[in-house]
Protein backbone atom coordinates (compact mmCIF):
# COMPACT_ATOMS: atom_id res chain seq x y z
CA MET A 1 30.63 131.40 259.43
CA ASP A 2 28.55 128.27 259.75
CA LYS A 3 27.80 127.24 263.33
CA LYS A 4 29.46 123.89 262.57
CA THR A 5 32.78 125.59 261.82
CA LEU A 6 35.40 125.57 264.55
CA PHE A 7 38.33 127.33 262.86
CA GLU A 8 38.15 129.42 259.72
CA VAL A 9 41.62 130.25 258.36
CA ARG A 10 41.86 132.72 255.49
CA ASN A 11 44.83 134.09 253.51
CA ILE A 12 47.37 133.32 256.24
CA ASP A 13 51.00 134.25 255.61
CA PHE A 14 53.91 133.96 258.01
CA SER A 15 57.64 134.39 257.44
CA TYR A 16 60.84 134.11 259.44
CA GLY A 17 62.86 136.86 257.85
CA GLU A 18 63.05 135.99 254.17
CA ASN A 19 61.96 132.39 254.79
CA LYS A 20 58.23 132.04 254.09
CA ALA A 21 56.82 129.43 256.49
CA LEU A 22 53.14 129.74 255.49
CA ASP A 23 51.94 130.91 252.11
CA ASN A 24 48.33 132.06 251.60
CA LEU A 25 46.81 129.33 253.76
CA PHE A 26 43.08 128.59 253.68
CA LEU A 27 41.50 125.97 255.93
CA THR A 28 38.17 125.14 257.55
CA VAL A 29 38.10 122.90 260.62
CA GLU A 30 34.89 121.32 261.87
CA PRO A 31 34.39 120.26 265.50
CA GLY A 32 34.34 116.68 266.75
CA LYS A 33 36.99 115.24 264.42
CA PHE A 34 40.55 113.96 264.70
CA TYR A 35 42.68 115.88 262.17
CA GLY A 36 46.19 114.89 261.20
CA ILE A 37 48.65 117.31 259.63
CA VAL A 38 51.41 115.56 257.70
CA GLY A 39 54.30 116.84 255.64
CA PRO A 40 58.10 116.99 255.51
CA ASN A 41 60.24 118.84 258.03
CA GLY A 42 60.04 122.60 257.58
CA CYS A 43 56.72 122.55 255.72
CA GLY A 44 55.04 124.87 258.25
CA LYS A 45 53.19 122.45 260.54
CA THR A 46 54.49 123.82 263.84
CA THR A 47 54.10 127.45 262.74
CA PHE A 48 50.50 126.79 261.74
CA LEU A 49 49.68 125.17 265.09
CA ASP A 50 51.34 128.06 266.93
CA LEU A 51 49.00 130.42 265.10
CA LEU A 52 45.95 128.38 266.13
CA VAL A 53 46.85 128.67 269.82
CA ARG A 54 47.93 132.32 269.37
CA ASN A 55 51.55 131.71 270.29
CA LYS A 56 52.28 133.57 267.04
CA THR A 57 50.35 136.21 265.11
CA PRO A 58 49.81 135.91 261.35
CA GLN A 59 51.49 138.60 259.28
CA SER A 60 48.48 138.71 257.00
CA GLY A 61 45.11 137.01 256.87
CA THR A 62 42.67 136.06 259.61
CA ILE A 63 41.89 133.18 261.95
CA GLU A 64 38.43 132.84 263.45
CA TYR A 65 37.47 130.51 266.27
CA LEU A 66 33.76 129.81 266.66
CA GLY A 67 32.96 132.79 264.43
CA ARG A 68 35.13 135.30 266.31
CA ARG A 69 38.58 136.60 265.47
CA ILE A 70 41.00 134.68 267.64
CA GLU A 71 42.74 137.84 268.86
CA GLY A 72 39.41 138.90 270.35
CA TYR A 73 39.68 136.22 273.04
CA THR A 74 41.50 136.87 276.28
CA ARG A 75 44.41 134.55 277.04
CA ARG A 76 42.49 133.00 279.94
CA ARG A 77 39.38 132.42 277.84
CA LEU A 78 41.35 130.89 274.99
CA ALA A 79 43.16 128.60 277.45
CA ARG A 80 39.75 127.21 278.43
CA GLU A 81 39.06 126.43 274.78
CA ILE A 82 42.35 125.21 273.32
CA SER A 83 45.24 123.28 274.87
CA LEU A 84 48.62 122.50 273.32
CA VAL A 85 51.07 119.64 273.66
CA PRO A 86 54.24 121.14 272.15
CA GLN A 87 56.96 119.28 270.31
CA ASP A 88 59.70 120.68 272.53
CA PHE A 89 59.32 121.42 276.22
CA TYR A 90 62.21 122.67 278.31
CA ILE A 91 62.22 123.62 281.94
CA ASN A 92 65.16 123.53 284.32
CA PHE A 93 63.31 124.60 287.47
CA PRO A 94 62.53 121.64 289.77
CA PHE A 95 58.74 121.58 289.74
CA THR A 96 57.26 118.23 290.68
CA VAL A 97 55.28 116.24 288.15
CA ARG A 98 52.03 117.00 289.98
CA GLU A 99 52.83 120.72 290.02
CA ILE A 100 53.42 120.70 286.26
CA VAL A 101 50.13 118.90 285.57
CA LEU A 102 48.32 121.27 287.94
CA MET A 103 49.44 124.16 285.70
CA GLY A 104 46.78 122.93 283.28
CA ARG A 105 44.14 124.07 285.79
CA HIS A 106 45.42 127.66 286.02
CA PRO A 107 42.82 129.07 283.56
CA TYR A 108 40.12 128.00 286.03
CA ILE A 109 41.79 129.21 289.25
CA THR A 110 41.37 132.86 290.17
CA ARG A 111 44.43 134.87 291.09
CA PHE A 112 45.82 134.12 294.58
CA ALA A 113 43.27 131.30 295.06
CA SER A 114 44.17 127.70 295.82
CA PRO A 115 43.20 124.74 293.61
CA SER A 116 39.78 123.32 294.43
CA ALA A 117 39.09 119.69 295.27
CA GLU A 118 37.73 119.32 291.73
CA ASP A 119 40.98 120.69 290.26
CA LEU A 120 43.02 118.18 292.28
CA ASP A 121 40.73 115.30 291.32
CA ILE A 122 41.10 116.16 287.62
CA VAL A 123 44.89 116.31 287.96
CA ASP A 124 45.08 112.97 289.76
CA GLY A 125 42.76 111.40 287.18
CA VAL A 126 44.78 112.44 284.14
CA MET A 127 48.02 111.36 285.82
CA ARG A 128 46.56 107.88 286.27
CA LYS A 129 45.40 107.80 282.64
CA MET A 130 48.87 108.77 281.42
CA GLY A 131 50.61 106.33 283.78
CA ILE A 132 52.62 109.03 285.53
CA ASP A 133 51.01 108.93 288.99
CA LYS A 134 53.83 106.67 290.21
CA PHE A 135 56.31 109.53 289.92
CA ARG A 136 53.96 112.35 290.87
CA ASP A 137 56.39 113.73 293.47
CA LYS A 138 59.51 113.47 291.33
CA TYR A 139 61.01 116.61 289.85
CA ILE A 140 60.45 117.17 286.14
CA THR A 141 64.22 117.61 285.75
CA GLU A 142 64.75 114.00 286.87
CA LEU A 143 62.62 112.43 284.13
CA SER A 144 63.53 110.96 280.76
CA GLY A 145 62.41 112.67 277.57
CA GLY A 146 59.49 110.29 277.08
CA GLU A 147 58.37 110.66 280.70
CA LYS A 148 58.47 114.46 280.42
CA GLN A 149 56.35 114.30 277.27
CA ARG A 150 53.71 112.27 279.08
CA VAL A 151 53.66 114.90 281.84
CA ILE A 152 53.09 117.68 279.30
CA PHE A 153 50.37 115.57 277.67
CA ALA A 154 48.72 115.25 281.09
CA ARG A 155 48.98 119.00 281.66
CA ALA A 156 47.07 119.64 278.43
CA MET A 157 44.45 117.04 279.37
CA ALA A 158 44.02 118.72 282.77
CA GLN A 159 43.00 121.90 280.93
CA ASP A 160 39.85 120.01 279.93
CA THR A 161 39.40 121.92 276.67
CA PRO A 162 37.15 121.10 273.70
CA VAL A 163 40.16 121.47 271.36
CA LEU A 164 43.56 119.80 271.74
CA ILE A 165 46.53 120.69 269.55
CA LEU A 166 49.33 118.12 269.34
CA ASP A 167 52.66 119.10 267.78
CA GLU A 168 54.57 115.85 267.28
CA ALA A 169 53.36 115.15 270.81
CA THR A 170 54.36 111.48 270.88
CA SER A 171 57.77 111.82 269.24
CA ASN A 172 59.70 110.98 272.44
CA MET A 173 57.38 108.22 273.68
CA ASP A 174 57.76 104.50 273.22
CA ILE A 175 55.04 102.66 271.32
CA GLU A 176 53.02 101.63 274.41
CA TYR A 177 52.55 105.19 275.62
CA THR A 178 52.14 106.55 272.10
CA LEU A 179 49.17 104.23 271.54
CA ASN A 180 47.77 104.95 274.98
CA SER A 181 47.95 108.71 274.43
CA LEU A 182 46.36 108.58 270.99
CA ASP A 183 43.68 106.19 272.26
CA ILE A 184 42.79 108.74 274.95
CA MET A 185 42.56 111.47 272.30
CA ALA A 186 40.42 109.30 270.01
CA TYR A 187 38.08 108.47 272.89
CA GLY A 188 37.63 112.19 273.58
CA VAL A 189 36.76 112.82 269.93
CA GLU A 190 34.27 109.97 269.73
CA PHE A 191 32.53 110.23 273.08
CA LYS A 192 33.15 113.81 274.32
CA LYS A 193 32.94 115.52 270.90
CA GLN A 194 36.39 117.03 271.36
CA THR A 195 38.47 118.12 268.39
CA VAL A 196 42.09 117.03 268.00
CA ILE A 197 44.49 118.62 265.52
CA ALA A 198 47.78 116.72 265.47
CA ALA A 199 50.98 117.16 263.51
CA LEU A 200 52.25 113.63 262.92
CA HIS A 201 55.31 112.14 261.26
CA ASN A 202 54.13 108.53 261.31
CA LEU A 203 51.74 108.08 258.40
CA ASN A 204 50.49 104.74 259.69
CA LEU A 205 49.50 106.23 263.05
CA ALA A 206 47.82 109.07 261.16
CA ALA A 207 45.92 106.53 259.06
CA ALA A 208 44.83 104.57 262.14
CA TYR A 209 43.60 107.53 264.21
CA CYS A 210 42.71 110.47 262.00
CA ASP A 211 39.29 111.18 260.47
CA GLU A 212 40.83 113.73 258.09
CA LEU A 213 44.34 114.43 256.86
CA ILE A 214 45.92 117.71 255.81
CA PHE A 215 48.97 117.33 253.56
CA MET A 216 51.36 120.30 253.72
CA LYS A 217 54.41 121.20 251.68
CA SER A 218 56.42 124.43 251.48
CA GLY A 219 53.93 126.35 253.61
CA ARG A 220 50.89 125.38 251.57
CA ILE A 221 48.09 122.86 251.92
CA VAL A 222 48.45 120.37 249.08
CA SER A 223 45.47 118.17 249.90
CA LYS A 224 42.79 117.93 252.61
CA GLY A 225 39.95 115.48 253.12
CA SER A 226 38.91 112.22 254.69
CA THR A 227 41.78 109.85 255.39
CA ASP A 228 40.36 107.24 253.03
CA GLU A 229 40.25 109.76 250.19
CA VAL A 230 43.53 111.66 250.50
CA LEU A 231 45.91 109.01 251.84
CA ASN A 232 47.10 107.75 248.48
CA GLU A 233 50.37 107.07 246.67
CA GLN A 234 50.16 110.22 244.56
CA ASN A 235 49.81 112.60 247.51
CA ILE A 236 52.69 110.88 249.29
CA LYS A 237 54.80 111.18 246.14
CA ASP A 238 53.89 114.85 245.68
CA VAL A 239 54.51 115.83 249.31
CA PHE A 240 57.34 113.55 250.47
CA GLU A 241 58.91 112.72 247.08
CA VAL A 242 59.00 108.99 247.81
CA ASP A 243 57.29 105.98 246.27
CA SER A 244 54.88 103.99 248.41
CA LYS A 245 52.21 101.34 248.38
CA ILE A 246 49.01 101.63 250.40
CA TYR A 247 46.78 98.76 251.45
CA PHE A 248 43.98 98.15 253.92
CA ASP A 249 45.21 96.21 256.92
CA GLN A 250 42.57 94.18 258.76
CA TYR A 251 44.64 93.89 261.95
CA SER A 252 44.86 97.66 262.43
CA ASN A 253 41.49 98.21 260.69
CA SER A 254 42.99 101.06 258.70
CA LYS A 255 45.01 101.89 255.63
CA GLN A 256 48.75 101.32 256.01
CA VAL A 257 51.68 102.70 254.03
CA ILE A 258 54.79 100.75 253.07
CA PHE A 259 57.97 102.04 251.44
CA LYS A 260 60.78 100.42 249.48
CA ARG A 261 64.36 101.12 250.48
CA ARG A 262 65.88 103.40 247.89
CA ARG A 263 69.16 101.49 247.84
CA GLN A 264 67.29 98.30 247.05
CA SER A 265 65.58 99.99 244.10
CA GLU A 266 68.85 101.46 242.84
CA ARG A 267 70.61 98.06 242.97
CA LYS A 268 67.78 96.40 241.06
CA ASP A 269 67.72 99.19 238.46
CA ASN A 270 71.46 98.81 237.90
């Protein structure tokens, strides 16, 4: 493996019973880029991300991280390398917001030891960045869905890892906090050489933030490359089965995708 390779994914298969979620997946991920994974519901995005953080084990094939099989890392070591913001987070035990964010520092705290001053400073800093310091002492069970998602985002940031995995991580947030969160991620990629791999539903956000896009359908990678190259009408048609138009928008300084209502098209055709 080249020293510039972060993840090397080869021949990955994964099934839920008879339902094949991933089918002979190959992928190379380089460090220091913002990757977006896009595709319809059920195409395998979440399963693939779960494999990258070792929440699941591939049924065939291999995943290497920095030239080493991912199963060769201890859980603690891997948690210092890769953090995850999951799509769904459920907890019914009344931890405070600060306690939840502090969980991101656990890979650095030895057993039975207390958090250091540095740990607490990192936690307080990411809470301010995510705009959740004002309810630091509230219980997680008292928060709205969007507020909880920001807390889990902050927990991943507190892990201070070179790789961040986002699984529809902004789906419950309003637009202000979605943009703030993605801006923080993009800053980390540009100035801290972090790598972000994000499953996204919003193609326009993907176009605005991602260096490269990975189109998935039916457990396979249909297209991968720079956003400028692979974000086109044909790939959207092939993957999502909808017609679109793509143009460069000066205001957002990125490509943008627009769609026509199907009912409008049907009325005009008739």
